[in-house]
Amino acid sequence: MKMAVWIIFIVFMAPVMMQMNDLYEFNAWIQPGDDFFATACVDRNYVLTGAFVVNKGSGATFFICDSGNYTIWQNNGTAYLYHYQQGLDELSWDFVVLYKDIWYIVIHNPETASQSIHVTGNITRPLFTFTPYPTFIPSTMAVAFVFTMIIGVVVLVYLFKFRKYHESILDSHMRKTLNRNALELLVFT
């Protein structure tokens, strides 16, 4: 029975546990005037975190924006950019998502740069995020985690109930056999 419990745990929980943190690692060369971006489609109150280092060259620009502002920025318009910083050689950051959208994490090599820059880093999006905001909206992964736990409990209850039912049938059969054997024993003696 212990083996069945472990199998159920592994089958149902392993995929969820592997996805508790979505980690995206990057290694990019960025030409002058170009940018590297990663996207995250997340709900309000999620915390996106990350870090990067400019390994070759210097002076990267960093910002985070939603999909609409990214399009405006690409078209050289006036966009609202969060965590906007220029002249960076490294940065660690975290950002509380303000509303559900596709968010762009952008590292830009300015047009005025004389050379390409080589950037390495990572971006992490946690499964559960508790922020100082008054409401907590669960992510799709959080809902999947809870749903998986419920399925696991239902399967375990079914297995234990089936085992008890099976044992009661076995007990009943054994009692009848023992009674029959006892009667035969009495008859022959």
Protein backbone atom coordinates (compact mmCIF):
# COMPACT_ATOMS: atom_id res chain seq x y z
CA MET A 1 0.00 0.00 0.00
CA LYS A 2 2.91 2.35 0.74
CA MET A 3 4.12 1.85 -2.81
CA ALA A 4 0.73 2.94 -4.18
CA VAL A 5 0.83 6.10 -2.07
CA TRP A 6 4.30 6.97 -3.37
CA ILE A 7 3.30 6.30 -6.97
CA ILE A 8 0.26 8.54 -6.60
CA PHE A 9 2.39 11.24 -4.99
CA ILE A 10 4.97 11.11 -7.77
CA VAL A 11 2.42 11.00 -10.60
CA PHE A 12 0.30 13.87 -9.29
CA MET A 13 2.81 16.07 -7.49
CA ALA A 14 6.00 15.88 -9.51
CA PRO A 15 4.74 18.01 -12.43
CA VAL A 16 3.40 20.63 -10.03
CA MET A 17 6.54 20.67 -7.89
CA MET A 18 8.75 21.05 -10.95
CA GLN A 19 6.82 24.16 -11.98
CA MET A 20 6.70 25.94 -8.63
CA ASN A 21 9.21 28.47 -9.96
CA ASP A 22 9.34 29.29 -13.61
CA LEU A 23 13.01 30.12 -14.24
CA TYR A 24 14.10 31.57 -17.56
CA GLU A 25 17.85 31.92 -18.10
CA PHE A 26 19.21 33.94 -20.99
CA ASN A 27 22.49 34.56 -22.76
CA ALA A 28 22.27 37.23 -25.49
CA TRP A 29 24.34 39.48 -27.70
CA ILE A 30 22.59 42.82 -28.28
CA GLN A 31 23.62 45.03 -31.20
CA PRO A 32 23.55 48.85 -30.87
CA GLY A 33 19.94 50.01 -31.18
CA ASP A 34 18.54 46.52 -30.55
CA ASP A 35 17.00 44.97 -27.50
CA PHE A 36 16.56 41.64 -25.80
CA PHE A 37 13.20 40.96 -24.19
CA ALA A 38 11.43 38.22 -22.31
CA THR A 39 7.69 38.10 -21.76
CA ALA A 40 5.58 36.97 -18.84
CA CYS A 41 1.81 36.64 -19.06
CA VAL A 42 0.81 37.01 -15.42
CA ASP A 43 -2.03 38.24 -13.24
CA ARG A 44 -2.09 41.22 -10.92
CA ASN A 45 0.10 41.08 -7.78
CA TYR A 46 2.60 38.57 -9.12
CA VAL A 47 6.20 39.39 -8.41
CA LEU A 48 8.60 39.02 -11.29
CA THR A 49 12.24 38.91 -10.24
CA GLY A 50 15.48 38.71 -12.11
CA ALA A 51 19.05 39.79 -12.57
CA PHE A 52 21.47 40.35 -15.39
CA VAL A 53 25.13 41.14 -15.96
CA VAL A 54 26.72 42.80 -18.97
CA ASN A 55 29.74 40.56 -19.60
CA LYS A 56 31.15 42.42 -22.60
CA GLY A 57 30.52 46.06 -23.39
CA SER A 58 28.64 48.39 -21.06
CA GLY A 59 25.75 50.79 -20.67
CA ALA A 60 22.59 48.71 -21.03
CA THR A 61 19.14 50.22 -20.55
CA PHE A 62 16.57 48.23 -18.58
CA PHE A 63 12.81 48.57 -18.20
CA ILE A 64 9.57 46.63 -17.73
CA CYS A 65 6.33 47.49 -19.49
CA ASP A 66 3.00 46.02 -20.56
CA SER A 67 2.27 44.94 -24.14
CA GLY A 68 0.64 48.22 -25.19
CA ASN A 69 3.52 50.36 -23.93
CA TYR A 70 6.06 48.03 -25.52
CA THR A 71 4.43 48.64 -28.92
CA ILE A 72 4.44 52.40 -28.28
CA TRP A 73 8.12 52.25 -27.27
CA GLN A 74 9.02 50.24 -30.40
CA ASN A 75 7.36 52.93 -32.53
CA ASN A 76 9.45 55.64 -30.78
CA GLY A 77 6.41 56.97 -28.92
CA THR A 78 6.17 58.10 -25.32
CA ALA A 79 5.59 54.90 -23.34
CA TYR A 80 5.19 54.32 -19.62
CA LEU A 81 8.18 52.21 -18.57
CA TYR A 82 8.67 50.75 -15.08
CA HIS A 83 12.12 50.40 -13.47
CA TYR A 84 13.62 52.42 -16.31
CA GLN A 85 17.39 52.69 -15.80
CA GLN A 86 20.24 53.57 -18.16
CA GLY A 87 23.97 52.94 -18.22
CA LEU A 88 23.83 49.62 -16.38
CA ASP A 89 26.46 46.92 -16.17
CA GLU A 90 24.42 44.74 -13.83
CA LEU A 91 21.09 44.81 -12.05
CA SER A 92 18.94 42.72 -9.71
CA TRP A 93 15.27 43.66 -9.71
CA ASP A 94 11.79 42.69 -8.63
CA PHE A 95 8.50 44.02 -9.92
CA VAL A 96 4.97 43.62 -8.58
CA VAL A 97 2.66 43.22 -11.59
CA LEU A 98 -0.06 45.86 -11.53
CA TYR A 99 -2.67 44.16 -13.73
CA LYS A 100 -3.08 41.09 -15.91
CA ASP A 101 -1.26 41.50 -19.20
CA ILE A 102 1.75 40.31 -21.13
CA TRP A 103 4.66 42.06 -19.45
CA TYR A 104 7.92 42.73 -21.27
CA ILE A 105 11.25 42.65 -19.47
CA VAL A 106 13.58 44.58 -21.78
CA ILE A 107 17.34 45.06 -21.92
CA HIS A 108 18.24 47.59 -24.59
CA ASN A 109 21.60 48.53 -26.12
CA PRO A 110 21.27 52.24 -26.98
CA GLU A 111 21.65 53.43 -30.56
CA THR A 112 24.58 55.58 -29.41
CA ALA A 113 26.55 52.53 -28.23
CA SER A 114 29.78 51.85 -30.07
CA GLN A 115 29.65 48.07 -29.71
CA SER A 116 27.45 45.07 -29.05
CA ILE A 117 26.91 43.98 -25.48
CA HIS A 118 26.85 40.44 -24.15
CA VAL A 119 24.24 39.93 -21.41
CA THR A 120 23.52 36.89 -19.22
CA GLY A 121 20.88 36.58 -16.54
CA ASN A 122 17.64 35.05 -15.38
CA ILE A 123 14.02 35.86 -14.70
CA THR A 124 11.97 34.05 -12.07
CA ARG A 125 8.24 34.05 -11.57
CA PRO A 126 7.18 32.40 -8.29
CA LEU A 127 4.15 30.14 -8.05
CA PHE A 128 2.71 31.83 -4.95
CA THR A 129 3.29 35.50 -4.33
CA PHE A 130 2.23 37.19 -1.14
CA THR A 131 2.50 40.94 -1.49
CA PRO A 132 1.54 43.82 0.75
CA TYR A 133 -1.57 44.35 -1.34
CA PRO A 134 -4.91 43.52 0.31
CA THR A 135 -5.99 40.88 -2.21
CA PHE A 136 -4.33 37.71 -3.38
CA ILE A 137 -5.36 36.37 -6.77
CA PRO A 138 -4.16 32.79 -7.30
CA SER A 139 -2.28 31.97 -10.47
CA THR A 140 -3.16 29.24 -12.90
CA MET A 141 -0.37 27.17 -11.35
CA ALA A 142 -1.79 27.72 -7.86
CA VAL A 143 -5.20 26.53 -9.04
CA ALA A 144 -3.57 23.53 -10.75
CA PHE A 145 -1.70 22.75 -7.53
CA VAL A 146 -4.88 22.80 -5.45
CA PHE A 147 -6.78 20.79 -8.08
CA THR A 148 -3.98 18.20 -8.15
CA MET A 149 -4.04 17.94 -4.36
CA ILE A 150 -7.82 17.36 -4.41
CA ILE A 151 -7.46 14.64 -7.06
CA GLY A 152 -4.69 13.00 -5.01
CA VAL A 153 -6.84 12.98 -1.87
CA VAL A 154 -9.83 11.55 -3.77
CA VAL A 155 -7.66 8.77 -5.22
CA LEU A 156 -6.20 7.95 -1.80
CA VAL A 157 -9.66 7.84 -0.20
CA TYR A 158 -10.87 5.58 -3.01
CA LEU A 159 -7.87 3.27 -2.59
CA PHE A 160 -8.34 3.00 1.18
CA LYS A 161 -12.09 2.50 0.82
CA PHE A 162 -11.57 -0.13 -1.89
CA ARG A 163 -9.02 -1.85 0.34
CA LYS A 164 -11.45 -1.92 3.28
CA TYR A 165 -14.24 -3.17 1.02
CA HIS A 166 -11.95 -5.82 -0.41
CA GLU A 167 -10.81 -6.81 3.10
CA SER A 168 -14.43 -7.08 4.29
CA ILE A 169 -15.24 -9.40 1.38
CA LEU A 170 -12.14 -11.42 2.19
CA ASP A 171 -13.09 -11.53 5.90
CA SER A 172 -16.60 -12.68 5.03
CA HIS A 173 -15.25 -15.37 2.73
CA MET A 174 -12.70 -16.48 5.35
CA ARG A 175 -15.39 -16.64 8.08
CA LYS A 176 -17.60 -18.82 5.87
CA THR A 177 -14.65 -21.06 5.06
CA LEU A 178 -13.63 -21.32 8.71
CA ASN A 179 -17.22 -22.06 9.76
CA ARG A 180 -17.53 -24.69 7.07
CA ASN A 181 -14.18 -26.22 8.07
CA ALA A 182 -15.22 -26.14 11.75
CA LEU A 183 -18.50 -27.91 10.91
CA GLU A 184 -16.67 -30.51 8.86
CA LEU A 185 -14.24 -30.97 11.71
CA LEU A 186 -17.14 -31.47 14.17
CA VAL A 187 -18.87 -33.90 11.83
CA PHE A 188 -15.76 -36.03 11.36
CA THR A 189 -14.88 -36.22 15.03
